[in-house]
């Protein structure tokens, strides 16, 4: 089984029809809550699966406000990013489409795509696949849809979908046409081509956020801007995408936070993030908006440091690179302290948000995820469906340059460069220690066929021989 298998046309038709039925069945639900709740989508950068206090894997992490969100709503234990790096996941949140469909499968390089590919393809058997350097304007975003429903829309923080070569600019602006304000957002503060800040301390060298006083901390500033947006739009439904650059490198934090975390700068960044999320939640409480606001807390890929009990880190197709924290809170609508083990991924946010505001997700045929509103309403599970990853790119952190599928408890990975297969039973082996390809060849065969057919269905860009 050293090569991905080819599936017949008959089997293809069957799989596609089953997938469509499953998607339709999972999306339909009756909205019992108000049709126009506020929505705050918190998308943290590089926060690992175990980098939050409620997970109890890393001693000393201070996240009381995030922990309170976990206690007040639903925690998802098997939530995923659709890519082990940031730009593809962020694009999938906005569009409800897989990175392979968008042709945006890699992080958009700050040093430019040509420089990036020259370095990554040096000495490899395969050349990296083609990928876009921006989110195309013809893609329908969740913000554009919500605006048609009367929502005020705001984007505050990291965008990283607006061109390559940001480090060669003085302000992070490569092409302002691709900024959030041209993708459905009324307000954009901080969103440009940058994948990481030049500095977390003012001056920021960011053309979409004015500099504050010397030494002002970026996460604090973005938190304050989020509060302003909420205050300005408290009388109408709003959608706020709060996407702080933290905890991406460079590792920088206010001195007081570093001191409170015994000199651990990374933990200090997490602590500061939590403080700003606390400010947002306090403002909602002050304005009596808690019960009319859905808060989603999520990370765009796995953590850059260890992610116990998972294997791997950001950049890998192992669980540590793609399994992330996910919390959803909506007082009096989502059961307090509830948990779901159903696999969820970032293409599911768009249809779920539509469902939450009373719009049938099937209205938008381009959506490739499903609504998980039934889970939020207390159903134990939704129809089992496969979720996919396509990452035809070289990384130094571990298993990459490959594609993967998870269906139920099973996860299959195919690595393109070495033509190697991996099969894991995640219910019994969350750390991916036991490759079961040899002992369970039929399951590997089944998932390999389904993965290969999906890659064809979305016309995925593939790596080529490096001549």
Protein backbone atom coordinates (compact mmCIF):
# COMPACT_ATOMS: atom_id res chain seq x y z
CA UNK A 1 0.00 0.00 0.00
CA UNK A 2 2.82 2.40 -0.81
CA UNK A 3 0.66 4.47 -3.15
CA UNK A 4 -2.79 5.98 -2.70
CA UNK A 5 -5.42 3.78 -4.29
CA UNK A 6 -7.63 4.75 -7.22
CA UNK A 7 -11.37 4.47 -6.76
CA UNK A 8 -13.91 3.46 -9.38
CA UNK A 9 -16.55 5.80 -10.76
CA UNK A 10 -19.32 3.70 -9.23
CA UNK A 11 -17.85 3.91 -5.75
CA UNK A 12 -17.22 7.63 -6.29
CA UNK A 13 -20.88 8.29 -6.97
CA UNK A 14 -21.91 6.35 -3.90
CA UNK A 15 -19.53 8.19 -1.59
CA UNK A 16 -20.56 11.61 -2.90
CA UNK A 17 -24.27 10.82 -2.54
CA UNK A 18 -23.82 9.54 1.02
CA UNK A 19 -21.79 12.64 1.92
CA UNK A 20 -24.51 14.93 0.56
CA UNK A 21 -27.22 13.11 2.49
CA UNK A 22 -25.17 13.24 5.67
CA UNK A 23 -24.52 16.98 5.25
CA UNK A 24 -28.19 17.75 4.66
CA UNK A 25 -29.38 15.68 7.60
CA UNK A 26 -26.83 17.20 9.99
CA UNK A 27 -27.59 20.79 8.99
CA UNK A 28 -31.31 20.85 9.58
CA UNK A 29 -32.45 22.13 12.96
CA UNK A 30 -35.13 24.34 14.48
CA UNK A 31 -33.90 27.58 15.99
CA UNK A 32 -35.54 27.96 19.38
CA UNK A 33 -33.43 30.93 20.53
CA UNK A 34 -33.60 34.49 19.12
CA UNK A 35 -32.78 34.62 15.41
CA UNK A 36 -30.19 37.39 15.67
CA UNK A 37 -27.79 36.69 18.54
CA UNK A 38 -24.48 38.52 18.63
CA UNK A 39 -21.48 36.37 17.68
CA UNK A 40 -17.92 36.75 18.91
CA UNK A 41 -15.41 34.46 17.21
CA UNK A 42 -12.11 34.39 19.13
CA UNK A 43 -9.40 32.88 16.90
CA UNK A 44 -6.13 32.62 18.78
CA UNK A 45 -2.84 32.09 16.93
CA UNK A 46 -0.71 29.01 17.66
CA UNK A 47 -2.42 28.13 20.95
CA UNK A 48 -1.92 24.44 21.63
CA UNK A 49 -4.49 21.84 22.68
CA UNK A 50 -3.12 21.78 26.22
CA UNK A 51 -2.20 25.48 26.52
CA UNK A 52 -5.34 26.29 28.54
CA UNK A 53 -5.92 25.77 32.22
CA UNK A 54 -9.14 23.74 31.98
CA UNK A 55 -7.26 20.94 30.18
CA UNK A 56 -5.02 20.39 33.25
CA UNK A 57 -2.00 19.28 31.24
CA UNK A 58 0.45 22.11 31.93
CA UNK A 59 0.96 23.32 35.49
CA UNK A 60 1.08 27.07 35.97
CA UNK A 61 -0.99 28.22 32.99
CA UNK A 62 -3.26 31.09 34.05
CA UNK A 63 -6.50 31.15 32.05
CA UNK A 64 -9.34 31.77 34.54
CA UNK A 65 -11.49 33.65 32.02
CA UNK A 66 -11.11 31.04 29.29
CA UNK A 67 -11.81 28.36 31.91
CA UNK A 68 -15.01 30.20 32.82
CA UNK A 69 -16.13 30.08 29.19
CA UNK A 70 -15.50 26.32 29.27
CA UNK A 71 -17.59 25.98 32.42
CA UNK A 72 -20.43 28.13 31.07
CA UNK A 73 -20.89 26.28 27.77
CA UNK A 74 -19.67 23.35 25.71
CA UNK A 75 -16.11 22.04 25.43
CA UNK A 76 -15.15 20.08 22.30
CA UNK A 77 -12.47 17.49 22.99
CA UNK A 78 -11.95 16.50 19.34
CA UNK A 79 -11.87 19.86 17.58
CA UNK A 80 -9.50 20.43 14.68
CA UNK A 81 -7.96 23.05 12.48
CA UNK A 82 -8.09 22.11 8.80
CA UNK A 83 -4.37 22.78 8.48
CA UNK A 84 -1.35 22.65 10.78
CA UNK A 85 -0.54 26.30 9.94
CA UNK A 86 -2.52 29.51 10.15
CA UNK A 87 -3.55 31.03 6.79
CA UNK A 88 -5.43 27.97 5.47
CA UNK A 89 -7.41 27.60 8.68
CA UNK A 90 -8.30 31.28 8.77
CA UNK A 91 -9.46 31.14 5.14
CA UNK A 92 -11.61 28.10 5.92
CA UNK A 93 -13.31 29.90 8.83
CA UNK A 94 -14.19 32.80 6.56
CA UNK A 95 -15.45 30.70 3.63
CA UNK A 96 -16.58 27.35 5.01
CA UNK A 97 -14.36 25.66 2.42
CA UNK A 98 -11.39 23.35 2.76
CA UNK A 99 -7.96 24.81 1.97
CA UNK A 100 -7.57 22.29 -0.86
CA UNK A 101 -10.67 23.73 -2.54
CA UNK A 102 -9.42 27.28 -2.05
CA UNK A 103 -5.91 26.38 -3.31
CA UNK A 104 -4.67 28.03 -0.13
CA UNK A 105 -3.02 25.15 1.69
CA UNK A 106 0.06 26.81 3.21
CA UNK A 107 0.77 29.79 5.43
CA UNK A 108 1.37 32.84 3.26
CA UNK A 109 5.12 33.49 3.57
CA UNK A 110 6.25 36.78 4.99
CA UNK A 111 9.50 36.58 3.04
CA UNK A 112 7.70 35.93 -0.26
CA UNK A 113 6.58 32.73 -1.95
CA UNK A 114 9.58 32.52 -4.28
CA UNK A 115 12.07 32.75 -1.41
CA UNK A 116 10.01 30.34 0.65
CA UNK A 117 9.84 27.69 -2.10
CA UNK A 118 13.53 28.02 -2.93
CA UNK A 119 14.40 27.16 0.66
CA UNK A 120 11.76 24.45 1.21
CA UNK A 121 12.39 22.59 -2.05
CA UNK A 122 16.16 22.47 -1.64
CA UNK A 123 17.28 18.83 -1.68
CA UNK A 124 13.80 17.29 -1.59
CA UNK A 125 12.34 14.58 -3.80
CA UNK A 126 9.10 16.53 -4.28
CA UNK A 127 8.46 20.17 -4.93
CA UNK A 128 5.76 21.81 -2.85
CA UNK A 129 2.36 22.19 -4.49
CA UNK A 130 1.09 25.53 -5.80
CA UNK A 131 -0.81 27.69 -3.31
CA UNK A 132 -2.55 31.07 -3.41
CA UNK A 133 -1.11 34.10 -1.62
CA UNK A 134 -4.47 35.65 -0.67
CA UNK A 135 -8.15 34.92 -0.09
CA UNK A 136 -9.85 35.56 -3.45
CA UNK A 137 -12.42 38.34 -3.39
CA UNK A 138 -14.98 36.20 -5.22
CA UNK A 139 -15.26 33.87 -2.24
CA UNK A 140 -18.38 34.43 -0.13
CA UNK A 141 -17.43 35.07 3.50
CA UNK A 142 -19.46 34.60 6.65
CA UNK A 143 -19.20 38.36 7.26
CA UNK A 144 -20.75 39.13 3.87
CA UNK A 145 -23.67 36.84 4.59
CA UNK A 146 -24.25 38.23 8.09
CA UNK A 147 -24.23 41.79 6.76
CA UNK A 148 -27.24 40.89 4.60
CA UNK A 149 -28.99 39.87 7.84
CA UNK A 150 -28.44 43.25 9.46
CA UNK A 151 -25.25 42.47 11.38
CA UNK A 152 -22.51 44.96 12.10
CA UNK A 153 -19.22 43.22 11.35
CA UNK A 154 -15.80 43.84 12.83
CA UNK A 155 -12.38 42.26 12.32
CA UNK A 156 -9.78 42.95 14.97
CA UNK A 157 -6.35 41.32 14.79
CA UNK A 158 -4.49 38.95 12.50
CA UNK A 159 -5.80 38.40 8.96
CA UNK A 160 -2.77 36.98 7.07
CA UNK A 161 -4.75 36.48 3.85
CA UNK A 162 -3.61 39.52 1.88
CA UNK A 163 -0.46 38.74 -0.10
CA UNK A 164 3.05 37.39 0.44
CA UNK A 165 6.22 39.27 1.29
CA UNK A 166 4.92 41.28 4.26
CA UNK A 167 8.34 41.48 5.91
CA UNK A 168 9.59 43.49 2.94
CA UNK A 169 7.05 46.23 3.66
CA UNK A 170 7.17 48.95 6.31
CA UNK A 171 3.55 48.50 7.38
CA UNK A 172 2.43 44.93 6.57
CA UNK A 173 0.32 46.09 3.63
CA UNK A 174 1.02 44.14 0.44
CA UNK A 175 -2.36 44.60 -1.24
CA UNK A 176 -5.06 46.45 0.68
CA UNK A 177 -7.69 45.16 -1.76
CA UNK A 178 -7.48 41.83 0.06
CA UNK A 179 -8.05 43.24 3.55
CA UNK A 180 -11.08 42.35 5.72
CA UNK A 181 -12.99 45.52 4.81
CA UNK A 182 -13.24 44.12 1.27
CA UNK A 183 -14.46 40.76 2.53
CA UNK A 184 -17.57 41.89 4.40
CA UNK A 185 -16.22 43.63 7.50
CA UNK A 186 -17.30 47.15 8.42
CA UNK A 187 -14.27 47.61 10.68
CA UNK A 188 -10.72 46.35 10.31
CA UNK A 189 -8.13 47.02 12.97
CA UNK A 190 -4.89 45.08 12.65
CA UNK A 191 -5.74 42.89 9.67
CA UNK A 192 -3.21 42.99 6.83
CA UNK A 193 -0.63 40.65 5.26
CA UNK A 194 1.31 40.15 8.49
CA UNK A 195 1.38 36.63 9.90
CA UNK A 196 3.10 37.88 13.03
CA UNK A 197 3.66 41.35 14.46
CA UNK A 198 6.91 43.15 13.88
CA UNK A 199 6.68 43.90 17.59
CA UNK A 200 4.08 43.38 20.29
CA UNK A 201 4.99 46.81 21.63
CA UNK A 202 4.12 50.13 20.01
CA UNK A 203 5.20 51.34 17.51
CA UNK A 204 3.70 48.36 15.65
CA UNK A 205 4.68 49.12 12.02
CA UNK A 206 1.16 48.00 11.05
CA UNK A 207 -0.70 50.16 8.57
CA UNK A 208 -4.11 49.02 9.81
CA UNK A 209 -3.66 49.90 13.48
CA UNK A 210 -2.46 53.29 14.66
CA UNK A 211 0.45 53.32 17.05
CA UNK A 212 -0.35 53.82 20.71
CA UNK A 213 1.84 55.30 23.42
CA UNK A 214 5.42 54.06 23.42
CA UNK A 215 5.45 50.55 24.83
CA UNK A 216 1.70 49.89 24.55
CA UNK A 217 1.14 46.11 24.27
CA UNK A 218 -0.61 44.92 21.10
CA UNK A 219 -2.88 42.31 22.68
CA UNK A 220 -4.09 44.88 25.21
CA UNK A 221 -4.72 47.36 22.42
CA UNK A 222 -6.69 44.87 20.33
CA UNK A 223 -8.70 43.90 23.40
CA UNK A 224 -9.59 47.57 23.95
CA UNK A 225 -10.59 47.90 20.29
CA UNK A 226 -12.87 44.86 20.65
CA UNK A 227 -14.58 46.52 23.62
CA UNK A 228 -15.08 49.71 21.60
CA UNK A 229 -16.67 47.75 18.78
CA UNK A 230 -19.07 46.06 21.20
CA UNK A 231 -20.03 49.37 22.79
CA UNK A 232 -20.58 51.04 19.43
CA UNK A 233 -22.83 48.20 18.19
CA UNK A 234 -24.63 47.17 21.36
CA UNK A 235 -28.02 48.23 19.97
CA UNK A 236 -27.85 45.94 16.92
CA UNK A 237 -26.73 42.38 16.23
CA UNK A 238 -22.99 42.19 15.64
CA UNK A 239 -20.39 39.71 14.46
CA UNK A 240 -16.94 40.32 15.92
CA UNK A 241 -13.95 38.32 14.76
CA UNK A 242 -11.35 38.84 17.48
CA UNK A 243 -8.09 37.37 16.20
CA UNK A 244 -5.18 38.47 18.40
CA UNK A 245 -1.73 37.82 16.99
CA UNK A 246 -0.74 36.19 20.26
CA UNK A 247 0.63 33.62 21.06
CA UNK A 248 2.64 33.59 17.83
CA UNK A 249 6.30 34.49 18.04
CA UNK A 250 8.10 36.77 18.78
CA UNK A 251 7.75 35.81 22.44
CA UNK A 252 7.11 39.18 24.08
CA UNK A 253 4.93 40.15 27.03
CA UNK A 254 4.53 43.00 29.52
CA UNK A 255 7.05 42.84 32.35
CA UNK A 256 4.30 42.53 34.99
CA UNK A 257 2.82 39.49 33.23
CA UNK A 258 6.25 37.87 32.91
CA UNK A 259 6.81 38.41 36.61
CA UNK A 260 3.40 36.90 37.45
CA UNK A 261 4.38 33.81 35.45
CA UNK A 262 7.76 33.26 37.09
CA UNK A 263 9.71 34.45 34.08
CA UNK A 264 7.93 32.21 31.55
CA UNK A 265 7.28 34.58 28.64
CA UNK A 266 5.06 32.15 26.74
CA UNK A 267 2.82 31.58 29.76
CA UNK A 268 2.78 35.36 30.24
CA UNK A 269 1.43 35.81 26.70
CA UNK A 270 -1.32 33.28 27.43
CA UNK A 271 -2.07 35.04 30.71
CA UNK A 272 -2.36 38.40 28.93
CA UNK A 273 -4.59 36.88 26.26
CA UNK A 274 -6.86 35.56 29.01
CA UNK A 275 -7.00 38.97 30.68
CA UNK A 276 -8.21 40.54 27.44
CA UNK A 277 -10.83 37.85 26.91
CA UNK A 278 -11.93 38.62 30.46
CA UNK A 279 -12.30 42.30 29.52
CA UNK A 280 -14.55 41.35 26.62
CA UNK A 281 -16.72 39.09 28.76
CA UNK A 282 -16.98 41.76 31.47
CA UNK A 283 -18.13 44.30 28.87
CA UNK A 284 -20.83 41.90 27.66
CA UNK A 285 -21.97 41.48 31.25
CA UNK A 286 -21.94 45.23 31.88
CA UNK A 287 -24.10 45.83 28.79
CA UNK A 288 -26.46 42.92 29.60
CA UNK A 289 -25.42 41.16 26.40
CA UNK A 290 -24.21 37.84 27.78
CA UNK A 291 -27.44 35.97 27.13
CA UNK A 292 -27.76 37.37 23.61
CA UNK A 293 -24.16 36.67 22.60
CA UNK A 294 -22.56 33.45 21.36
CA UNK A 295 -18.86 33.27 22.19
CA UNK A 296 -16.64 30.85 20.26
CA UNK A 297 -13.08 30.28 21.44
CA UNK A 298 -10.70 28.50 19.06
CA UNK A 299 -7.09 28.21 17.90
CA UNK A 300 -5.96 28.24 14.26
CA UNK A 301 -3.52 25.31 14.56
CA UNK A 302 -1.59 23.28 17.09
CA UNK A 303 0.87 24.80 19.52
CA UNK A 304 4.47 25.52 18.65
CA UNK A 305 5.63 23.84 21.86
CA UNK A 306 4.74 20.46 23.38
CA UNK A 307 1.05 19.56 23.23
CA UNK A 308 0.53 16.70 25.71
CA UNK A 309 -0.95 14.12 25.42
CA UNK A 310 -0.71 14.62 21.66
CA UNK A 311 2.13 13.82 19.29
CA UNK A 312 3.72 16.64 17.32
CA UNK A 313 3.48 20.41 17.18
CA UNK A 314 2.39 23.13 14.76
CA UNK A 315 3.30 22.19 11.19
CA UNK A 316 2.64 18.46 11.51
CA UNK A 317 -0.30 16.27 10.53
CA UNK A 318 -0.07 14.46 13.84
CA UNK A 319 -2.67 15.44 16.42
CA UNK A 320 -0.42 18.00 18.08
CA UNK A 321 -0.35 20.02 14.88
CA UNK A 322 -4.09 20.03 14.16
CA UNK A 323 -6.16 19.23 17.29
CA UNK A 324 -7.03 22.46 19.07
CA UNK A 325 -9.15 23.92 21.89
CA UNK A 326 -12.76 24.77 21.01
CA UNK A 327 -15.35 26.25 23.37
CA UNK A 328 -18.83 27.58 22.64
CA UNK A 329 -20.78 29.52 25.25
CA UNK A 330 -24.31 30.95 25.07
CA UNK A 331 -25.97 31.31 28.48
CA UNK A 332 -29.43 29.76 28.80
CA UNK A 333 -29.08 28.14 25.37
CA UNK A 334 -26.08 25.79 25.73
CA UNK A 335 -25.93 23.46 28.71
CA UNK A 336 -23.48 24.59 31.36
CA UNK A 337 -20.34 22.46 31.61
CA UNK A 338 -21.23 20.21 28.69
CA UNK A 339 -18.75 18.28 26.57
CA UNK A 340 -18.77 16.83 23.07
CA UNK A 341 -16.33 14.26 21.69
CA UNK A 342 -17.66 14.58 18.13
CA UNK A 343 -14.91 15.60 15.68
CA UNK A 344 -15.42 19.20 14.53
CA UNK A 345 -13.25 21.25 12.19
CA UNK A 346 -13.01 24.85 11.02
CA UNK A 347 -15.12 24.44 7.86
CA UNK A 348 -18.02 23.75 10.23
CA UNK A 349 -18.16 27.26 11.72
CA UNK A 350 -19.79 28.94 8.70
CA UNK A 351 -22.79 26.55 8.46
CA UNK A 352 -23.16 26.46 12.24
CA UNK A 353 -23.28 30.25 12.51
CA UNK A 354 -25.85 30.37 9.70
CA UNK A 355 -27.93 27.81 11.58
CA UNK A 356 -27.63 29.85 14.77
CA UNK A 357 -29.02 32.98 13.10
CA UNK A 358 -31.84 31.13 11.35
CA UNK A 359 -30.38 30.75 7.86
CA UNK A 360 -30.49 27.33 6.22
CA UNK A 361 -26.85 26.38 5.49
CA UNK A 362 -27.97 24.48 2.40
CA UNK A 363 -28.68 27.87 0.82
CA UNK A 364 -24.93 28.16 0.22
CA UNK A 365 -23.84 25.24 -1.92
CA UNK A 366 -20.13 26.00 -1.61
CA UNK A 367 -20.04 25.09 2.09
CA UNK A 368 -18.04 21.94 2.76
CA UNK A 369 -18.65 21.57 6.49
CA UNK A 370 -21.75 20.77 8.52
CA UNK A 371 -23.67 22.61 11.22
CA UNK A 372 -22.94 21.32 14.71
CA UNK A 373 -25.89 23.21 16.19
CA UNK A 374 -27.57 19.89 17.11
CA UNK A 375 -24.65 19.21 19.45
CA UNK A 376 -24.99 22.64 21.04
CA UNK A 377 -28.69 21.91 21.59
CA UNK A 378 -27.88 18.72 23.48
CA UNK A 379 -27.90 15.93 20.92
CA UNK A 380 -25.25 13.36 21.74
CA UNK A 381 -23.85 13.11 18.23
CA UNK A 382 -24.38 14.02 14.60
CA UNK A 383 -24.08 11.79 11.56
CA UNK A 384 -20.57 10.44 11.18
CA UNK A 385 -18.68 12.01 8.31
CA UNK A 386 -15.02 12.16 7.27
CA UNK A 387 -12.91 15.26 7.80
CA UNK A 388 -9.83 15.94 5.69
CA UNK A 389 -6.44 17.60 5.57
CA UNK A 390 -4.26 18.34 2.56
CA UNK A 391 -0.86 19.81 3.34
CA UNK A 392 1.51 19.30 0.38
CA UNK A 393 4.29 21.30 2.01
CA UNK A 394 7.62 20.62 3.70
CA UNK A 395 8.07 21.47 7.37
CA UNK A 396 10.87 20.89 9.85
CA UNK A 397 8.66 20.09 12.84
CA UNK A 398 7.65 16.53 11.94
CA UNK A 399 5.21 14.59 9.76
CA UNK A 400 4.08 16.90 6.92
CA UNK A 401 3.99 16.90 3.09
CA UNK A 402 0.91 14.71 3.08
CA UNK A 403 -2.84 14.32 3.36
CA UNK A 404 -5.03 12.82 6.05
CA UNK A 405 -8.56 11.75 6.85
CA UNK A 406 -10.37 11.14 10.13
CA UNK A 407 -13.60 9.16 10.21
CA UNK A 408 -14.99 8.13 13.57
CA UNK A 409 -12.17 6.85 15.72
CA UNK A 410 -9.86 6.18 12.78
CA UNK A 411 -7.24 8.50 11.33
CA UNK A 412 -5.21 7.76 8.22
CA UNK A 413 -2.23 9.80 6.99
CA UNK A 414 -0.38 9.46 3.69
CA UNK A 415 3.03 11.10 3.48
CA UNK A 416 3.90 12.07 -0.11
CA UNK A 417 7.68 12.46 0.08
CA UNK A 418 8.44 8.99 1.49
CA UNK A 419 5.21 7.34 0.30
CA UNK A 420 4.45 6.14 3.81
CA UNK A 421 1.09 5.33 5.40
CA UNK A 422 -0.09 5.70 8.99
CA UNK A 423 -3.28 4.42 10.61
CA UNK A 424 -4.29 5.24 14.17
CA UNK A 425 -7.21 4.36 16.43
CA UNK A 426 -7.54 7.66 18.25
CA UNK A 427 -9.96 6.33 20.85
CA UNK A 428 -7.29 3.93 22.09
CA UNK A 429 -4.17 5.80 21.00
CA UNK A 430 -4.57 9.56 21.16
CA UNK A 431 -0.76 9.91 21.21
CA UNK A 432 -0.46 8.10 17.85
CA UNK A 433 2.12 5.61 19.06
CA UNK A 434 0.85 2.51 17.24
CA UNK A 435 0.73 2.53 13.45
CA UNK A 436 -1.92 -0.07 12.53
CA UNK A 437 -1.46 -0.13 8.75
CA UNK A 438 0.02 -3.64 8.80
CA UNK A 439 -2.39 -5.11 11.36
CA UNK A 440 -5.53 -3.49 9.90
CA UNK A 441 -4.93 -3.24 6.15
CA UNK A 442 -8.63 -3.20 5.21
CA UNK A 443 -9.32 -0.08 7.24
CA UNK A 444 -6.22 1.58 5.78
CA UNK A 445 -7.40 0.62 2.31
CA UNK A 446 -10.88 2.01 2.92
CA UNK A 447 -9.67 5.36 4.22
CA UNK A 448 -6.96 5.65 1.59
CA UNK A 449 -9.54 5.24 -1.17
CA UNK A 450 -11.83 7.83 0.38
CA UNK A 451 -8.98 10.29 0.88
CA UNK A 452 -7.74 9.87 -2.68
CA UNK A 453 -11.22 10.40 -4.08
CA UNK A 454 -11.72 13.55 -2.02
CA UNK A 455 -8.44 14.97 -3.34
CA UNK A 456 -9.75 14.40 -6.86
CA UNK A 457 -13.16 15.82 -6.04
CA UNK A 458 -11.71 19.14 -4.82
CA UNK A 459 -9.08 19.17 -7.58
CA UNK A 460 -6.31 19.44 -5.00
CA UNK A 461 -2.96 20.87 -6.05
CA UNK A 462 -0.36 18.11 -5.73
CA UNK A 463 3.42 18.11 -5.24
CA UNK A 464 5.57 17.31 -8.25
CA UNK A 465 8.94 15.66 -8.73
CA UNK A 466 11.80 18.00 -7.98
CA UNK A 467 13.93 17.80 -11.12
